[in-house]
Amino acid sequence: MKFRSLKLLLAAGSLLAAMFIAGCAGSKDFIKPSQEEIDTYVQEHPDLPELDKSCIYDGRFEIGIKQETLFFLLGEPFKQEKIQQPWALQEKWIYKKKNQKIFIIEDRHVVGILENDK
């Protein structure tokens, strides 16, 4: 998995030179769910990995979280694209608020985060 993530980062860097890679991100421009929504979601998903729970409670996103957790935190992406890489099918979820974040998803987990502050 680490080798595939490295390949992804190299490919993403060449495709999106204007953006920089953020391994862990949080932003004031993205609204964190309410505490009640968070508590309900965590109770309804008792099998959530600790990383996902931590990101949900902190209102941040990190490489390794499940795509369902990302959807809970940020909602429907502005745009979704499917990308066939030589090693796997990936999805690119693009969110646009005051800044832009692109999440690369593979095997239902976030494997890359790109951010543009424009």
C-alpha atoms as a PDB file:
ATOM      1  CA  MET A   1       0.000   0.000   0.000  1.00  0.00           C
ATOM      2  CA  LYS A   2       2.845   2.423   0.813  1.00  0.00           C
ATOM      3  CA  PHE A   3       4.370   1.896  -2.638  1.00  0.00           C
ATOM      4  CA  ARG A   4       1.031   2.620  -4.312  1.00  0.00           C
ATOM      5  CA  SER A   5       0.634   5.783  -2.224  1.00  0.00           C
ATOM      6  CA  LEU A   6       4.100   6.928  -3.282  1.00  0.00           C
ATOM      7  CA  LYS A   7       3.230   6.359  -6.942  1.00  0.00           C
ATOM      8  CA  LEU A   8       0.048   8.370  -6.440  1.00  0.00           C
ATOM      9  CA  LEU A   9       1.889  11.279  -4.860  1.00  0.00           C
ATOM     10  CA  LEU A  10       4.423  11.377  -7.672  1.00  0.00           C
ATOM     11  CA  ALA A  11       1.688  11.280 -10.320  1.00  0.00           C
ATOM     12  CA  ALA A  12      -0.419  13.895  -8.551  1.00  0.00           C
ATOM     13  CA  GLY A  13       2.564  16.217  -8.185  1.00  0.00           C
ATOM     14  CA  SER A  14       3.286  16.168 -11.894  1.00  0.00           C
ATOM     15  CA  LEU A  15      -0.376  16.625 -12.832  1.00  0.00           C
ATOM     16  CA  LEU A  16      -1.094  19.414 -10.389  1.00  0.00           C
ATOM     17  CA  ALA A  17       2.111  21.446 -10.172  1.00  0.00           C
ATOM     18  CA  ALA A  18       0.279  24.522  -8.903  1.00  0.00           C
ATOM     19  CA  MET A  19      -0.949  22.633  -5.861  1.00  0.00           C
ATOM     20  CA  PHE A  20       0.947  21.354  -2.884  1.00  0.00           C
ATOM     21  CA  ILE A  21       0.507  18.106  -1.038  1.00  0.00           C
ATOM     22  CA  ALA A  22      -0.955  18.213   2.445  1.00  0.00           C
ATOM     23  CA  GLY A  23      -0.661  15.028   4.495  1.00  0.00           C
ATOM     24  CA  CYS A  24      -3.062  16.250   7.137  1.00  0.00           C
ATOM     25  CA  ALA A  25      -5.417  19.113   6.560  1.00  0.00           C
ATOM     26  CA  GLY A  26      -8.088  21.099   8.275  1.00  0.00           C
ATOM     27  CA  SER A  27      -9.614  24.362   7.263  1.00  0.00           C
ATOM     28  CA  LYS A  28     -11.761  27.161   8.610  1.00  0.00           C
ATOM     29  CA  ASP A  29     -13.456  27.272   5.218  1.00  0.00           C
ATOM     30  CA  PHE A  30     -14.918  23.791   5.669  1.00  0.00           C
ATOM     31  CA  ILE A  31     -17.649  23.573   8.291  1.00  0.00           C
ATOM     32  CA  LYS A  32     -17.271  20.889  10.948  1.00  0.00           C
ATOM     33  CA  PRO A  33     -20.430  18.874  11.733  1.00  0.00           C
ATOM     34  CA  SER A  34     -22.167  19.679  15.017  1.00  0.00           C
ATOM     35  CA  GLN A  35     -21.248  17.731  18.136  1.00  0.00           C
ATOM     36  CA  GLU A  36     -24.658  16.035  18.036  1.00  0.00           C
ATOM     37  CA  GLU A  37     -24.092  14.926  14.416  1.00  0.00           C
ATOM     38  CA  ILE A  38     -20.622  13.662  15.316  1.00  0.00           C
ATOM     39  CA  ASP A  39     -21.826  11.681  18.328  1.00  0.00           C
ATOM     40  CA  THR A  40     -24.673  10.130  16.325  1.00  0.00           C
ATOM     41  CA  TYR A  41     -22.380   9.192  13.427  1.00  0.00           C
ATOM     42  CA  VAL A  42     -19.773   7.577  15.701  1.00  0.00           C
ATOM     43  CA  GLN A  43     -22.479   5.633  17.582  1.00  0.00           C
ATOM     44  CA  GLU A  44     -23.986   4.410  14.300  1.00  0.00           C
ATOM     45  CA  HIS A  45     -20.531   3.302  13.048  1.00  0.00           C
ATOM     46  CA  PRO A  46     -18.941   1.395  15.960  1.00  0.00           C
ATOM     47  CA  ASP A  47     -16.386  -0.201  13.623  1.00  0.00           C
ATOM     48  CA  LEU A  48     -14.783   3.130  12.677  1.00  0.00           C
ATOM     49  CA  PRO A  49     -10.982   3.017  12.841  1.00  0.00           C
ATOM     50  CA  GLU A  50      -9.382   5.179  15.538  1.00  0.00           C
ATOM     51  CA  LEU A  51      -7.859   7.465  12.870  1.00  0.00           C
ATOM     52  CA  ASP A  52     -11.320   8.205  11.481  1.00  0.00           C
ATOM     53  CA  LYS A  53     -12.773   8.877  14.934  1.00  0.00           C
ATOM     54  CA  SER A  54      -9.908  11.214  15.765  1.00  0.00           C
ATOM     55  CA  CYS A  55     -10.337  13.149  12.513  1.00  0.00           C
ATOM     56  CA  ILE A  56     -14.101  13.404  13.017  1.00  0.00           C
ATOM     57  CA  TYR A  57     -13.769  14.757  16.555  1.00  0.00           C
ATOM     58  CA  ASP A  58     -10.990  17.182  15.532  1.00  0.00           C
ATOM     59  CA  GLY A  59     -12.696  18.336  12.322  1.00  0.00           C
ATOM     60  CA  ARG A  60      -9.729  17.417  10.132  1.00  0.00           C
ATOM     61  CA  PHE A  61      -8.942  14.995   7.330  1.00  0.00           C
ATOM     62  CA  GLU A  62      -5.914  12.814   6.909  1.00  0.00           C
ATOM     63  CA  ILE A  63      -4.490  10.280   4.496  1.00  0.00           C
ATOM     64  CA  GLY A  64      -5.832   6.877   5.508  1.00  0.00           C
ATOM     65  CA  ILE A  65      -9.382   7.795   6.512  1.00  0.00           C
ATOM     66  CA  LYS A  66     -12.272   5.989   4.886  1.00  0.00           C
ATOM     67  CA  GLN A  67     -14.136   7.698   2.060  1.00  0.00           C
ATOM     68  CA  GLU A  68     -17.328   7.462   4.133  1.00  0.00           C
ATOM     69  CA  THR A  69     -15.658   9.524   6.859  1.00  0.00           C
ATOM     70  CA  LEU A  70     -14.592  12.115   4.297  1.00  0.00           C
ATOM     71  CA  PHE A  71     -18.170  12.281   2.986  1.00  0.00           C
ATOM     72  CA  PHE A  72     -19.477  12.748   6.538  1.00  0.00           C
ATOM     73  CA  LEU A  73     -17.007  15.562   7.214  1.00  0.00           C
ATOM     74  CA  LEU A  74     -17.344  17.457   3.929  1.00  0.00           C
ATOM     75  CA  GLY A  75     -20.532  16.245   2.266  1.00  0.00           C
ATOM     76  CA  GLU A  76     -21.056  15.818  -1.459  1.00  0.00           C
ATOM     77  CA  PRO A  77     -17.998  16.806  -3.517  1.00  0.00           C
ATOM     78  CA  PHE A  78     -18.282  19.607  -6.058  1.00  0.00           C
ATOM     79  CA  LYS A  79     -16.982  17.168  -8.669  1.00  0.00           C
ATOM     80  CA  GLN A  80     -15.965  13.495  -8.828  1.00  0.00           C
ATOM     81  CA  GLU A  81     -13.711  11.846 -11.389  1.00  0.00           C
ATOM     82  CA  LYS A  82     -12.593   8.255 -11.858  1.00  0.00           C
ATOM     83  CA  ILE A  83      -8.975   7.708 -12.834  1.00  0.00           C
ATOM     84  CA  GLN A  84      -7.610   4.359 -13.955  1.00  0.00           C
ATOM     85  CA  GLN A  85      -4.045   4.094 -12.700  1.00  0.00           C
ATOM     86  CA  PRO A  86      -1.866   1.138 -13.727  1.00  0.00           C
ATOM     87  CA  TRP A  87      -2.148  -0.265 -10.184  1.00  0.00           C
ATOM     88  CA  ALA A  88      -5.792   0.594  -9.283  1.00  0.00           C
ATOM     89  CA  LEU A  89      -8.937   2.540 -10.054  1.00  0.00           C
ATOM     90  CA  GLN A  90      -8.938   5.812  -8.138  1.00  0.00           C
ATOM     91  CA  GLU A  91     -11.503   8.498  -7.538  1.00  0.00           C
ATOM     92  CA  LYS A  92     -10.753  12.187  -7.330  1.00  0.00           C
ATOM     93  CA  TRP A  93     -13.155  14.112  -5.100  1.00  0.00           C
ATOM     94  CA  ILE A  94     -12.946  17.877  -5.592  1.00  0.00           C
ATOM     95  CA  TYR A  95     -14.312  20.295  -3.003  1.00  0.00           C
ATOM     96  CA  LYS A  96     -14.500  24.032  -3.664  1.00  0.00           C
ATOM     97  CA  LYS A  97     -15.198  26.528  -0.935  1.00  0.00           C
ATOM     98  CA  LYS A  98     -12.917  29.541  -0.348  1.00  0.00           C
ATOM     99  CA  ASN A  99     -10.049  27.240  -1.209  1.00  0.00           C
ATOM    100  CA  GLN A 100      -9.982  23.971  -3.128  1.00  0.00           C
ATOM    101  CA  LYS A 101      -9.178  20.525  -1.801  1.00  0.00           C
ATOM    102  CA  ILE A 102      -8.787  17.415  -3.894  1.00  0.00           C
ATOM    103  CA  PHE A 103      -8.918  14.001  -2.260  1.00  0.00           C
ATOM    104  CA  ILE A 104      -7.596  10.946  -4.073  1.00  0.00           C
ATOM    105  CA  ILE A 105      -9.418   7.780  -3.034  1.00  0.00           C
ATOM    106  CA  GLU A 106      -8.301   4.218  -3.648  1.00  0.00           C
ATOM    107  CA  ASP A 107      -9.808   1.055  -2.146  1.00  0.00           C
ATOM    108  CA  ARG A 108     -12.356   3.255  -0.303  1.00  0.00           C
ATOM    109  CA  HIS A 109      -9.606   5.154   1.594  1.00  0.00           C
ATOM    110  CA  VAL A 110      -8.032   8.577   1.132  1.00  0.00           C
ATOM    111  CA  VAL A 111      -4.530   8.083  -0.286  1.00  0.00           C
ATOM    112  CA  GLY A 112      -3.749  11.679  -1.253  1.00  0.00           C
ATOM    113  CA  ILE A 113      -4.785  15.220  -0.355  1.00  0.00           C
ATOM    114  CA  LEU A 114      -4.060  18.220  -2.547  1.00  0.00           C
ATOM    115  CA  GLU A 115      -4.842  21.787  -1.596  1.00  0.00           C
ATOM    116  CA  ASN A 116      -4.970  25.041  -3.524  1.00  0.00           C
ATOM    117  CA  ASP A 117      -5.457  28.265  -1.549  1.00  0.00           C
ATOM    118  CA  LYS A 118      -6.749  30.270  -4.528  1.00  0.00           C
END
